[in-house]
PDB file of N, CA and C in Angstrom:
ATOM      1  N   UNK A   1     -11.516   6.217   9.428  1.00  0.00           N
ATOM      2  CA  UNK A   1     -10.668   5.201   8.836  1.00  0.00           C
ATOM      3  C   UNK A   1     -11.134   4.855   7.427  1.00  0.00           C
ATOM      4  N   UNK A   2     -12.431   4.653   7.275  1.00  0.00           N
ATOM      5  CA  UNK A   2     -12.936   4.288   5.956  1.00  0.00           C
ATOM      6  C   UNK A   2     -12.716   5.400   4.945  1.00  0.00           C
ATOM      7  N   UNK A   3     -12.798   6.644   5.394  1.00  0.00           N
ATOM      8  CA  UNK A   3     -12.564   7.769   4.489  1.00  0.00           C
ATOM      9  C   UNK A   3     -11.114   7.774   4.004  1.00  0.00           C
ATOM     10  N   UNK A   4     -10.187   7.435   4.885  1.00  0.00           N
ATOM     11  CA  UNK A   4      -8.775   7.390   4.494  1.00  0.00           C
ATOM     12  C   UNK A   4      -8.527   6.273   3.482  1.00  0.00           C
ATOM     13  N   UNK A   5      -9.152   5.136   3.708  1.00  0.00           N
ATOM     14  CA  UNK A   5      -8.990   4.030   2.767  1.00  0.00           C
ATOM     15  C   UNK A   5      -9.603   4.395   1.423  1.00  0.00           C
ATOM     16  N   UNK A   6     -10.738   5.091   1.427  1.00  0.00           N
ATOM     17  CA  UNK A   6     -11.345   5.557   0.173  1.00  0.00           C
ATOM     18  C   UNK A   6     -10.380   6.463  -0.581  1.00  0.00           C
ATOM     19  N   UNK A   7      -9.682   7.325   0.140  1.00  0.00           N
ATOM     20  CA  UNK A   7      -8.704   8.220  -0.492  1.00  0.00           C
ATOM     21  C   UNK A   7      -7.558   7.418  -1.104  1.00  0.00           C
ATOM     22  N   UNK A   8      -7.101   6.389  -0.394  1.00  0.00           N
ATOM     23  CA  UNK A   8      -6.027   5.543  -0.926  1.00  0.00           C
ATOM     24  C   UNK A   8      -6.511   4.812  -2.175  1.00  0.00           C
ATOM     25  N   UNK A   9      -7.734   4.317  -2.156  1.00  0.00           N
ATOM     26  CA  UNK A   9      -8.304   3.638  -3.323  1.00  0.00           C
ATOM     27  C   UNK A   9      -8.317   4.586  -4.520  1.00  0.00           C
ATOM     28  N   UNK A  10      -8.760   5.805  -4.298  1.00  0.00           N
ATOM     29  CA  UNK A  10      -8.797   6.803  -5.371  1.00  0.00           C
ATOM     30  C   UNK A  10      -7.391   7.061  -5.908  1.00  0.00           C
ATOM     31  N   UNK A  11      -6.429   7.179  -5.008  1.00  0.00           N
ATOM     32  CA  UNK A  11      -5.045   7.428  -5.411  1.00  0.00           C
ATOM     33  C   UNK A  11      -4.489   6.267  -6.228  1.00  0.00           C
ATOM     34  N   UNK A  12      -4.775   5.042  -5.804  1.00  0.00           N
ATOM     35  CA  UNK A  12      -4.308   3.864  -6.543  1.00  0.00           C
ATOM     36  C   UNK A  12      -4.915   3.851  -7.943  1.00  0.00           C
ATOM     37  N   UNK A  13      -6.205   4.124  -8.040  1.00  0.00           N
ATOM     38  CA  UNK A  13      -6.866   4.125  -9.344  1.00  0.00           C
ATOM     39  C   UNK A  13      -6.272   5.159 -10.293  1.00  0.00           C
ATOM     40  N   UNK A  14      -5.888   6.306  -9.767  1.00  0.00           N
ATOM     41  CA  UNK A  14      -5.371   7.398 -10.592  1.00  0.00           C
ATOM     42  C   UNK A  14      -3.866   7.310 -10.827  1.00  0.00           C
ATOM     43  N   UNK A  15      -3.191   6.445 -10.106  1.00  0.00           N
ATOM     44  CA  UNK A  15      -1.729   6.376 -10.167  1.00  0.00           C
ATOM     45  C   UNK A  15      -1.239   5.875 -11.522  1.00  0.00           C
ATOM     46  N   UNK A  16      -0.202   6.532 -12.009  1.00  0.00           N
ATOM     47  CA  UNK A  16       0.454   6.082 -13.232  1.00  0.00           C
ATOM     48  C   UNK A  16       1.693   5.242 -12.920  1.00  0.00           C
ATOM     49  N   UNK A  17       2.119   5.237 -11.661  1.00  0.00           N
ATOM     50  CA  UNK A  17       3.323   4.496 -11.280  1.00  0.00           C
ATOM     51  C   UNK A  17       3.026   3.070 -10.825  1.00  0.00           C
ATOM     52  N   UNK A  18       1.766   2.768 -10.553  1.00  0.00           N
ATOM     53  CA  UNK A  18       1.376   1.411 -10.159  1.00  0.00           C
ATOM     54  C   UNK A  18       0.957   0.668 -11.419  1.00  0.00           C
ATOM     55  N   UNK A  19       1.509  -0.514 -11.629  1.00  0.00           N
ATOM     56  CA  UNK A  19       1.209  -1.270 -12.845  1.00  0.00           C
ATOM     57  C   UNK A  19      -0.255  -1.691 -12.873  1.00  0.00           C
ATOM     58  N   UNK A  20      -0.763  -1.841 -14.085  1.00  0.00           N
ATOM     59  CA  UNK A  20      -2.159  -2.249 -14.266  1.00  0.00           C
ATOM     60  C   UNK A  20      -2.399  -3.657 -13.715  1.00  0.00           C
ATOM     61  N   UNK A  21      -1.361  -4.488 -13.706  1.00  0.00           N
ATOM     62  CA  UNK A  21      -1.496  -5.841 -13.159  1.00  0.00           C
ATOM     63  C   UNK A  21      -1.628  -5.808 -11.637  1.00  0.00           C
ATOM     64  N   UNK A  22      -0.963  -4.841 -10.997  1.00  0.00           N
ATOM     65  CA  UNK A  22      -0.967  -4.755  -9.537  1.00  0.00           C
ATOM     66  C   UNK A  22      -2.211  -4.075  -8.978  1.00  0.00           C
ATOM     67  N   UNK A  23      -2.786  -3.170  -9.739  1.00  0.00           N
ATOM     68  CA  UNK A  23      -3.919  -2.392  -9.232  1.00  0.00           C
ATOM     69  C   UNK A  23      -5.073  -3.254  -8.718  1.00  0.00           C
ATOM     70  N   UNK A  24      -5.541  -4.261  -9.473  1.00  0.00           N
ATOM     71  CA  UNK A  24      -6.660  -5.061  -8.955  1.00  0.00           C
ATOM     72  C   UNK A  24      -6.338  -5.769  -7.642  1.00  0.00           C
ATOM     73  N   UNK A  25      -5.097  -6.232  -7.505  1.00  0.00           N
ATOM     74  CA  UNK A  25      -4.697  -6.919  -6.277  1.00  0.00           C
ATOM     75  C   UNK A  25      -4.672  -5.958  -5.095  1.00  0.00           C
ATOM     76  N   UNK A  26      -4.129  -4.772  -5.326  1.00  0.00           N
ATOM     77  CA  UNK A  26      -4.073  -3.760  -4.273  1.00  0.00           C
ATOM     78  C   UNK A  26      -5.479  -3.331  -3.881  1.00  0.00           C
ATOM     79  N   UNK A  27      -6.317  -3.085  -4.879  1.00  0.00           N
ATOM     80  CA  UNK A  27      -7.687  -2.633  -4.610  1.00  0.00           C
ATOM     81  C   UNK A  27      -8.493  -3.690  -3.863  1.00  0.00           C
ATOM     82  N   UNK A  28      -8.289  -4.947  -4.214  1.00  0.00           N
ATOM     83  CA  UNK A  28      -8.995  -6.027  -3.516  1.00  0.00           C
ATOM     84  C   UNK A  28      -8.657  -6.020  -2.025  1.00  0.00           C
ATOM     85  N   UNK A  29      -7.368  -5.889  -1.714  1.00  0.00           N
ATOM     86  CA  UNK A  29      -6.948  -5.880  -0.314  1.00  0.00           C
ATOM     87  C   UNK A  29      -7.456  -4.633   0.393  1.00  0.00           C
ATOM     88  N   UNK A  30      -7.449  -3.487  -0.281  1.00  0.00           N
ATOM     89  CA  UNK A  30      -7.957  -2.253   0.325  1.00  0.00           C
ATOM     90  C   UNK A  30      -9.441  -2.367   0.649  1.00  0.00           C
ATOM     91  N   UNK A  31     -10.202  -2.980  -0.235  1.00  0.00           N
ATOM     92  CA  UNK A  31     -11.632  -3.157   0.033  1.00  0.00           C
ATOM     93  C   UNK A  31     -11.851  -4.081   1.233  1.00  0.00           C
ATOM     94  N   UNK A  32     -11.005  -5.102   1.371  1.00  0.00           N
ATOM     95  CA  UNK A  32     -11.089  -5.978   2.545  1.00  0.00           C
ATOM     96  C   UNK A  32     -10.775  -5.190   3.811  1.00  0.00           C
ATOM     97  N   UNK A  33      -9.710  -4.399   3.781  1.00  0.00           N
ATOM     98  CA  UNK A  33      -9.298  -3.624   4.950  1.00  0.00           C
ATOM     99  C   UNK A  33     -10.338  -2.589   5.327  1.00  0.00           C
ATOM    100  N   UNK A  34     -11.029  -2.076   4.343  1.00  0.00           N
ATOM    101  CA  UNK A  34     -12.043  -1.053   4.603  1.00  0.00           C
ATOM    102  C   UNK A  34     -13.110  -1.581   5.564  1.00  0.00           C
ATOM    103  N   UNK A  35     -13.358  -2.867   5.512  1.00  0.00           N
ATOM    104  CA  UNK A  35     -14.386  -3.483   6.349  1.00  0.00           C
ATOM    105  C   UNK A  35     -13.865  -3.900   7.726  1.00  0.00           C
ATOM    106  N   UNK A  36     -12.575  -3.891   7.918  1.00  0.00           N
ATOM    107  CA  UNK A  36     -11.999  -4.359   9.174  1.00  0.00           C
ATOM    108  C   UNK A  36     -11.712  -3.208  10.126  1.00  0.00           C
ATOM    109  N   UNK A  37     -11.881  -3.458  11.405  1.00  0.00           N
ATOM    110  CA  UNK A  37     -11.625  -2.443  12.433  1.00  0.00           C
ATOM    111  C   UNK A  37     -10.133  -2.194  12.634  1.00  0.00           C
ATOM    112  N   UNK A  38      -9.332  -3.254  12.535  1.00  0.00           N
ATOM    113  CA  UNK A  38      -7.900  -3.123  12.795  1.00  0.00           C
ATOM    114  C   UNK A  38      -7.090  -2.943  11.516  1.00  0.00           C
ATOM    115  N   UNK A  39      -7.717  -2.405  10.500  1.00  0.00           N
ATOM    116  CA  UNK A  39      -7.071  -2.263   9.197  1.00  0.00           C
ATOM    117  C   UNK A  39      -5.826  -1.391   9.262  1.00  0.00           C
ATOM    118  N   UNK A  40      -5.882  -0.301   9.985  1.00  0.00           N
ATOM    119  CA  UNK A  40      -4.745   0.615  10.039  1.00  0.00           C
ATOM    120  C   UNK A  40      -3.509  -0.081  10.590  1.00  0.00           C
ATOM    121  N   UNK A  41      -3.679  -0.876  11.617  1.00  0.00           N
ATOM    122  CA  UNK A  41      -2.546  -1.586  12.199  1.00  0.00           C
ATOM    123  C   UNK A  41      -1.948  -2.563  11.189  1.00  0.00           C
ATOM    124  N   UNK A  42      -2.794  -3.251  10.450  1.00  0.00           N
ATOM    125  CA  UNK A  42      -2.307  -4.215   9.469  1.00  0.00           C
ATOM    126  C   UNK A  42      -1.558  -3.513   8.336  1.00  0.00           C
ATOM    127  N   UNK A  43      -2.084  -2.403   7.865  1.00  0.00           N
ATOM    128  CA  UNK A  43      -1.416  -1.643   6.808  1.00  0.00           C
ATOM    129  C   UNK A  43      -0.053  -1.177   7.296  1.00  0.00           C
ATOM    130  N   UNK A  44      -0.009  -0.658   8.501  1.00  0.00           N
ATOM    131  CA  UNK A  44       1.240  -0.163   9.071  1.00  0.00           C
ATOM    132  C   UNK A  44       2.284  -1.271   9.160  1.00  0.00           C
ATOM    133  N   UNK A  45       1.888  -2.421   9.629  1.00  0.00           N
ATOM    134  CA  UNK A  45       2.818  -3.548   9.770  1.00  0.00           C
ATOM    135  C   UNK A  45       3.312  -4.006   8.402  1.00  0.00           C
ATOM    136  N   UNK A  46       2.416  -4.064   7.440  1.00  0.00           N
ATOM    137  CA  UNK A  46       2.822  -4.511   6.101  1.00  0.00           C
ATOM    138  C   UNK A  46       3.801  -3.535   5.457  1.00  0.00           C
ATOM    139  N   UNK A  47       3.554  -2.238   5.593  1.00  0.00           N
ATOM    140  CA  UNK A  47       4.477  -1.259   5.026  1.00  0.00           C
ATOM    141  C   UNK A  47       5.817  -1.280   5.755  1.00  0.00           C
ATOM    142  N   UNK A  48       5.798  -1.480   7.062  1.00  0.00           N
ATOM    143  CA  UNK A  48       7.044  -1.565   7.818  1.00  0.00           C
ATOM    144  C   UNK A  48       7.857  -2.777   7.367  1.00  0.00           C
ATOM    145  N   UNK A  49       7.195  -3.903   7.183  1.00  0.00           N
ATOM    146  CA  UNK A  49       7.863  -5.112   6.713  1.00  0.00           C
ATOM    147  C   UNK A  49       8.440  -4.896   5.320  1.00  0.00           C
ATOM    148  N   UNK A  50       7.646  -4.282   4.448  1.00  0.00           N
ATOM    149  CA  UNK A  50       8.104  -3.994   3.093  1.00  0.00           C
ATOM    150  C   UNK A  50       9.339  -3.099   3.128  1.00  0.00           C
ATOM    151  N   UNK A  51       9.291  -2.063   3.964  1.00  0.00           N
ATOM    152  CA  UNK A  51      10.418  -1.134   4.037  1.00  0.00           C
ATOM    153  C   UNK A  51      11.681  -1.840   4.523  1.00  0.00           C
ATOM    154  N   UNK A  52      11.551  -2.719   5.501  1.00  0.00           N
ATOM    155  CA  UNK A  52      12.711  -3.435   6.025  1.00  0.00           C
ATOM    156  C   UNK A  52      13.350  -4.299   4.931  1.00  0.00           C
ATOM    157  N   UNK A  53      12.538  -4.833   4.028  1.00  0.00           N
ATOM    158  CA  UNK A  53      13.058  -5.639   2.932  1.00  0.00           C
ATOM    159  C   UNK A  53      13.672  -4.772   1.834  1.00  0.00           C
ATOM    160  N   UNK A  54      13.083  -3.613   1.578  1.00  0.00           N
ATOM    161  CA  UNK A  54      13.500  -2.780   0.454  1.00  0.00           C
ATOM    162  C   UNK A  54      14.604  -1.785   0.795  1.00  0.00           C
ATOM    163  N   UNK A  55      14.738  -1.397   2.043  1.00  0.00           N
ATOM    164  CA  UNK A  55      15.714  -0.379   2.427  1.00  0.00           C
ATOM    165  C   UNK A  55      17.137  -0.716   1.967  1.00  0.00           C
ATOM    166  N   UNK A  56      17.617  -1.956   2.164  1.00  0.00           N
ATOM    167  CA  UNK A  56      18.981  -2.255   1.696  1.00  0.00           C
ATOM    168  C   UNK A  56      19.129  -2.120   0.175  1.00  0.00           C
ATOM    169  N   UNK A  57      18.093  -2.466  -0.547  1.00  0.00           N
ATOM    170  CA  UNK A  57      18.138  -2.343  -2.008  1.00  0.00           C
ATOM    171  C   UNK A  57      18.213  -0.879  -2.403  1.00  0.00           C
ATOM    172  N   UNK A  58      17.366  -0.052  -1.791  1.00  0.00           N
ATOM    173  CA  UNK A  58      17.384   1.384  -2.087  1.00  0.00           C
ATOM    174  C   UNK A  58      18.730   2.002  -1.711  1.00  0.00           C
ATOM    175  N   UNK A  59      19.292   1.560  -0.591  1.00  0.00           N
ATOM    176  CA  UNK A  59      20.590   2.078  -0.160  1.00  0.00           C
ATOM    177  C   UNK A  59      21.683   1.690  -1.160  1.00  0.00           C
ATOM    178  N   UNK A  60      21.634   0.465  -1.635  1.00  0.00           N
ATOM    179  CA  UNK A  60      22.623   0.007  -2.609  1.00  0.00           C
ATOM    180  C   UNK A  60      22.537   0.807  -3.909  1.00  0.00           C
ATOM    181  N   UNK A  61      21.328   1.196  -4.271  1.00  0.00           N
ATOM    182  CA  UNK A  61      21.134   2.002  -5.478  1.00  0.00           C
ATOM    183  C   UNK A  61      21.488   3.470  -5.255  1.00  0.00           C
ATOM    184  N   UNK A  62      21.709   3.839  -3.996  1.00  0.00           N
ATOM    185  CA  UNK A  62      22.048   5.220  -3.668  1.00  0.00           C
ATOM    186  C   UNK A  62      20.840   6.134  -3.578  1.00  0.00           C
ATOM    187  N   UNK A  63      19.652   5.549  -3.423  1.00  0.00           N
ATOM    188  CA  UNK A  63      18.414   6.343  -3.366  1.00  0.00           C
ATOM    189  C   UNK A  63      18.141   6.885  -1.976  1.00  0.00           C
ATOM    190  N   UNK A  64      18.782   6.305  -0.968  1.00  0.00           N
ATOM    191  CA  UNK A  64      18.597   6.817   0.402  1.00  0.00           C
ATOM    192  C   UNK A  64      19.937   6.974   1.075  1.00  0.00           C
TER     193      UNK A  64
END
């Protein structure tokens, strides 16, 4: 699990699509999750919630 989070951290740091303002916030949360046992479940739930909010917007734009 920690190795996967390390990979995500590396990807966030190298990403050109994530704003510089957002990176520190994302990295802070990733470092917190790295220390938690149930981190994967929390990440999954957060992404699912995000997708449920964003899917109608993406559909309206014709992206999905």
